[in-house]
C-alpha cells in the first residue's frame, strides 16, 4: 500500500521554474517537489508521496495522520538518510 505522509513546509524556492521546498516530517527534513501545491506557504502542512506534495492539509489533520502512522510503525523510511 502507498501512503502519503504529512509534513510541515519549512521553506520554498524555485529551481528551473519548479517549486521545491524543505519539509519537516516530525524532525526528519527532506527536499520535496511542491509543484502540485503552488499556493503553499512556509508553516503550512502538505501530504507527501514519493517526494511530491499532493495536497495541503490543516495542522490538526496532519498531526492525527502522523500519530496514526507512528502507531502502525509505518514511518521507518523517513529514518533513512538521503544520498
C-alpha atoms as a PDB file:
ATOM      1  CA  UNK A   1       0.000   0.000   0.000  1.00  0.00           C
ATOM      2  CA  UNK A   2       1.237   3.500  -0.808  1.00  0.00           C
ATOM      3  CA  UNK A   3       0.840   6.176   1.833  1.00  0.00           C
ATOM      4  CA  UNK A   4       1.183   9.924   1.839  1.00  0.00           C
ATOM      5  CA  UNK A   5       2.994  11.333   4.862  1.00  0.00           C
ATOM      6  CA  UNK A   6       2.114  14.736   6.368  1.00  0.00           C
ATOM      7  CA  UNK A   7       4.890  17.271   6.820  1.00  0.00           C
ATOM      8  CA  UNK A   8       5.329  20.964   7.594  1.00  0.00           C
ATOM      9  CA  UNK A   9       6.834  23.173   4.905  1.00  0.00           C
ATOM     10  CA  UNK A  10       9.885  24.988   6.288  1.00  0.00           C
ATOM     11  CA  UNK A  11      10.948  26.947   3.211  1.00  0.00           C
ATOM     12  CA  UNK A  12      10.233  27.147  -0.512  1.00  0.00           C
ATOM     13  CA  UNK A  13      12.232  28.116  -3.596  1.00  0.00           C
ATOM     14  CA  UNK A  14      12.163  27.747  -7.369  1.00  0.00           C
ATOM     15  CA  UNK A  15      14.704  25.704  -9.277  1.00  0.00           C
ATOM     16  CA  UNK A  16      14.399  25.555 -13.090  1.00  0.00           C
ATOM     17  CA  UNK A  17      10.877  27.013 -12.694  1.00  0.00           C
ATOM     18  CA  UNK A  18       9.789  24.122 -10.403  1.00  0.00           C
ATOM     19  CA  UNK A  19       8.586  24.922  -6.864  1.00  0.00           C
ATOM     20  CA  UNK A  20      10.606  22.969  -4.288  1.00  0.00           C
ATOM     21  CA  UNK A  21      10.844  23.093  -0.531  1.00  0.00           C
ATOM     22  CA  UNK A  22      12.192  21.691   2.688  1.00  0.00           C
ATOM     23  CA  UNK A  23       9.534  19.731   4.551  1.00  0.00           C
ATOM     24  CA  UNK A  24       9.800  18.633   8.192  1.00  0.00           C
ATOM     25  CA  UNK A  25       8.391  15.187   8.979  1.00  0.00           C
ATOM     26  CA  UNK A  26       8.441  15.320  12.779  1.00  0.00           C
ATOM     27  CA  UNK A  27      12.179  16.047  12.946  1.00  0.00           C
ATOM     28  CA  UNK A  28      13.288  14.497   9.650  1.00  0.00           C
ATOM     29  CA  UNK A  29      13.737  17.151   6.952  1.00  0.00           C
ATOM     30  CA  UNK A  30      13.539  16.239   3.268  1.00  0.00           C
ATOM     31  CA  UNK A  31      13.585  18.110  -0.028  1.00  0.00           C
ATOM     32  CA  UNK A  32      10.157  17.869  -1.701  1.00  0.00           C
ATOM     33  CA  UNK A  33       8.637  18.941  -5.007  1.00  0.00           C
ATOM     34  CA  UNK A  34       5.807  21.396  -4.271  1.00  0.00           C
ATOM     35  CA  UNK A  35       4.791  21.923  -7.907  1.00  0.00           C
ATOM     36  CA  UNK A  36       1.298  20.419  -7.357  1.00  0.00           C
ATOM     37  CA  UNK A  37       0.557  22.788  -4.447  1.00  0.00           C
ATOM     38  CA  UNK A  38       1.861  26.138  -5.762  1.00  0.00           C
ATOM     39  CA  UNK A  39      -0.107  28.162  -3.202  1.00  0.00           C
ATOM     40  CA  UNK A  40       1.583  26.511  -0.182  1.00  0.00           C
ATOM     41  CA  UNK A  41       3.426  28.780   2.256  1.00  0.00           C
ATOM     42  CA  UNK A  42       6.088  28.022   4.876  1.00  0.00           C
ATOM     43  CA  UNK A  43       4.400  26.846   8.065  1.00  0.00           C
ATOM     44  CA  UNK A  44       1.605  25.019   6.243  1.00  0.00           C
ATOM     45  CA  UNK A  45       1.256  21.242   6.055  1.00  0.00           C
ATOM     46  CA  UNK A  46       1.217  19.030   2.982  1.00  0.00           C
ATOM     47  CA  UNK A  47       0.706  15.336   2.244  1.00  0.00           C
ATOM     48  CA  UNK A  48       3.831  13.946   0.528  1.00  0.00           C
ATOM     49  CA  UNK A  49       4.132  10.745  -1.505  1.00  0.00           C
ATOM     50  CA  UNK A  50       7.499   9.666  -3.003  1.00  0.00           C
ATOM     51  CA  UNK A  51       8.918  13.182  -2.800  1.00  0.00           C
ATOM     52  CA  UNK A  52       5.917  15.048  -4.221  1.00  0.00           C
ATOM     53  CA  UNK A  53       3.477  17.139  -2.175  1.00  0.00           C
ATOM     54  CA  UNK A  54      -0.002  16.206  -3.390  1.00  0.00           C
ATOM     55  CA  UNK A  55      -2.243  18.461  -1.310  1.00  0.00           C
ATOM     56  CA  UNK A  56      -2.330  20.878   1.590  1.00  0.00           C
ATOM     57  CA  UNK A  57      -3.790  19.697   4.881  1.00  0.00           C
ATOM     58  CA  UNK A  58      -4.547  21.530   8.109  1.00  0.00           C
ATOM     59  CA  UNK A  59      -2.236  21.140  11.099  1.00  0.00           C
ATOM     60  CA  UNK A  60      -4.664  19.121  13.264  1.00  0.00           C
ATOM     61  CA  UNK A  61      -5.285  16.593  10.498  1.00  0.00           C
ATOM     62  CA  UNK A  62      -1.542  16.326   9.796  1.00  0.00           C
ATOM     63  CA  UNK A  63      -0.842  15.505  13.462  1.00  0.00           C
ATOM     64  CA  UNK A  64      -3.614  12.907  13.553  1.00  0.00           C
ATOM     65  CA  UNK A  65      -2.301  11.144  10.428  1.00  0.00           C
ATOM     66  CA  UNK A  66       1.292  11.219  11.684  1.00  0.00           C
ATOM     67  CA  UNK A  67       0.289   9.746  15.057  1.00  0.00           C
ATOM     68  CA  UNK A  68      -1.746   7.050  13.299  1.00  0.00           C
ATOM     69  CA  UNK A  69       1.204   6.101  11.083  1.00  0.00           C
ATOM     70  CA  UNK A  70       3.565   6.054  14.071  1.00  0.00           C
ATOM     71  CA  UNK A  71       1.161   3.681  15.828  1.00  0.00           C
ATOM     72  CA  UNK A  72       1.267   1.356  12.819  1.00  0.00           C
ATOM     73  CA  UNK A  73       5.086   1.571  12.727  1.00  0.00           C
ATOM     74  CA  UNK A  74       4.932   2.840   9.128  1.00  0.00           C
ATOM     75  CA  UNK A  75       7.491   5.646   9.315  1.00  0.00           C
ATOM     76  CA  UNK A  76      10.774   3.707   9.034  1.00  0.00           C
ATOM     77  CA  UNK A  77      11.604   5.041   5.569  1.00  0.00           C
ATOM     78  CA  UNK A  78      11.785   8.577   6.957  1.00  0.00           C
ATOM     79  CA  UNK A  79      14.743   7.495   9.088  1.00  0.00           C
ATOM     80  CA  UNK A  80      16.857   6.522   6.064  1.00  0.00           C
ATOM     81  CA  UNK A  81      19.450   9.128   5.128  1.00  0.00           C
ATOM     82  CA  UNK A  82      19.101  10.787   1.730  1.00  0.00           C
ATOM     83  CA  UNK A  83      22.013  10.149  -0.623  1.00  0.00           C
END
